[in-house]
Amino acid sequence: MSKVLISGDLSLEDIEATIQSMEVNRNRFVGAEIDGDDNKCQFVRQRVPPRARLVLAGKPPPSGTTLDWSGSLRVAGEEKEVELFRGASAAAP
């Protein structure tokens, strides 16, 4: 498992893009925790996973997706509850 710090000053869309850029290199996002002003994200090595989609908790999920992870992230400098969705066949490796 590898851990990557993602800035807590980024927008939700920019955090999602950062996760996606890691995943195209065969690293699947599996979790995160807030680490000071940043997000310490965990990735495991595997085939390229389907696209990760982040939404604020309580917002409607993207169509055709299943919840794969939920937790707290620092988004635009504030702690937020978020959910990560993937295509239904990709959830829970």
Protein backbone atom coordinates (compact mmCIF):
# COMPACT_ATOMS: atom_id res chain seq x y z
CA MET A 1 0.00 0.00 0.00
CA SER A 2 1.23 3.47 -0.79
CA LYS A 3 0.22 6.72 0.86
CA VAL A 4 -0.01 10.05 -0.92
CA LEU A 5 -0.67 13.49 0.56
CA ILE A 6 -3.26 15.51 -1.35
CA SER A 7 -3.63 19.17 -0.41
CA GLY A 8 -6.64 20.02 1.71
CA ASP A 9 -6.86 23.38 -0.07
CA LEU A 10 -8.05 21.76 -3.31
CA SER A 11 -11.68 21.72 -4.45
CA LEU A 12 -13.59 18.42 -4.48
CA GLU A 13 -13.20 18.31 -8.28
CA ASP A 14 -9.42 18.80 -8.03
CA ILE A 15 -9.11 16.09 -5.36
CA GLU A 16 -11.09 13.74 -7.63
CA ALA A 17 -8.78 14.59 -10.56
CA THR A 18 -5.72 13.91 -8.39
CA ILE A 19 -7.11 10.51 -7.36
CA GLN A 20 -7.87 9.71 -11.01
CA SER A 21 -4.32 10.66 -12.06
CA MET A 22 -2.96 8.17 -9.50
CA GLU A 23 -5.38 5.48 -10.64
CA VAL A 24 -4.37 5.62 -14.31
CA ASN A 25 -0.97 4.45 -13.05
CA ARG A 26 -2.59 1.27 -11.64
CA ASN A 27 -3.08 2.53 -8.08
CA ARG A 28 -6.60 2.06 -6.69
CA PHE A 29 -7.79 4.51 -4.04
CA VAL A 30 -8.87 2.56 -0.94
CA GLY A 31 -9.14 5.18 1.80
CA ALA A 32 -8.06 8.46 3.31
CA GLU A 33 -7.71 10.33 6.55
CA ILE A 34 -7.19 13.99 7.31
CA ASP A 35 -3.57 14.76 8.22
CA GLY A 36 -3.31 18.35 9.43
CA ASP A 37 -4.16 20.57 6.46
CA ASP A 38 -3.84 17.71 3.97
CA ASN A 39 -5.46 14.38 3.11
CA LYS A 40 -3.37 11.23 3.51
CA CYS A 41 -4.77 8.93 0.82
CA GLN A 42 -4.08 5.21 0.59
CA PHE A 43 -3.70 3.36 -2.70
CA VAL A 44 -3.09 -0.30 -3.54
CA ARG A 45 -1.43 -1.54 -6.71
CA GLN A 46 -3.77 -3.26 -9.16
CA ARG A 47 -5.14 -3.01 -12.68
CA VAL A 48 -6.51 0.38 -13.67
CA PRO A 49 -9.81 0.71 -11.76
CA PRO A 50 -12.97 2.32 -13.17
CA ARG A 51 -13.20 6.07 -12.73
CA ALA A 52 -13.59 7.36 -9.18
CA ARG A 53 -16.34 9.94 -8.64
CA LEU A 54 -16.37 12.04 -5.44
CA VAL A 55 -19.51 13.71 -4.10
CA LEU A 56 -20.34 15.44 -0.86
CA ALA A 57 -22.14 13.07 1.51
CA GLY A 58 -25.90 13.28 1.11
CA LYS A 59 -25.77 14.41 -2.52
CA PRO A 60 -27.17 12.10 -5.21
CA PRO A 61 -24.65 9.54 -6.52
CA PRO A 62 -23.60 9.61 -10.17
CA SER A 63 -25.86 7.46 -12.32
CA GLY A 64 -24.86 3.80 -12.65
CA THR A 65 -22.43 3.83 -9.71
CA THR A 66 -22.06 2.08 -6.36
CA LEU A 67 -20.58 3.47 -3.16
CA ASP A 68 -16.95 2.32 -2.80
CA TRP A 69 -15.72 4.49 0.12
CA SER A 70 -16.97 7.21 2.44
CA GLY A 71 -15.18 9.34 5.00
CA SER A 72 -13.79 12.75 5.83
CA LEU A 73 -11.55 14.79 3.56
CA ARG A 74 -10.28 18.33 3.81
CA VAL A 75 -11.87 20.15 0.85
CA ALA A 76 -11.09 23.80 0.08
CA GLY A 77 -9.65 24.12 3.58
CA GLU A 78 -12.69 22.66 5.41
CA GLU A 79 -13.40 19.17 6.73
CA LYS A 80 -16.19 17.57 4.68
CA GLU A 81 -17.87 14.18 4.62
CA VAL A 82 -17.50 12.74 1.12
CA GLU A 83 -18.37 9.58 -0.76
CA LEU A 84 -16.47 7.88 -3.59
CA PHE A 85 -18.51 6.01 -6.18
CA ARG A 86 -17.50 3.69 -9.03
CA GLY A 87 -19.27 1.74 -11.74
CA ALA A 88 -21.37 -0.97 -10.08
CA SER A 89 -19.16 -3.85 -11.23
CA ALA A 90 -16.03 -2.18 -9.77
CA ALA A 91 -17.02 -1.58 -6.16
CA ALA A 92 -15.34 -3.47 -3.34
CA PRO A 93 -12.35 -5.15 -5.00
